[in-house]
């Protein structure tokens, strides 16, 4: 993977992670770096799921793929926030 590819993955991960946090109600006690990390993982998994379903190669913006990514990011942020909350962070 090139440096440009890594930079694009980080930017998309940050956007997907932020959208995942926006979908969840309330406050999540996790930092921005953890949000970006969850977003990157969700973006990769969402793309894999979209490719397996057959909706990743469409003209224009892949809205269904984006929905998979944001949904996975919301689930990931909820899981990480729940784990952070159990550690006693207040």
Foldseek 3Di string as FASTA:
>chain_A
DDPVVVVVLLVQLLVLLVLLCVVDPDDFPDDSVVSSVLSSVLLVVLLVVCVVVPQNDDPDDSVSSSVSSSVSSNVSSVVVSVVVVVVPDD
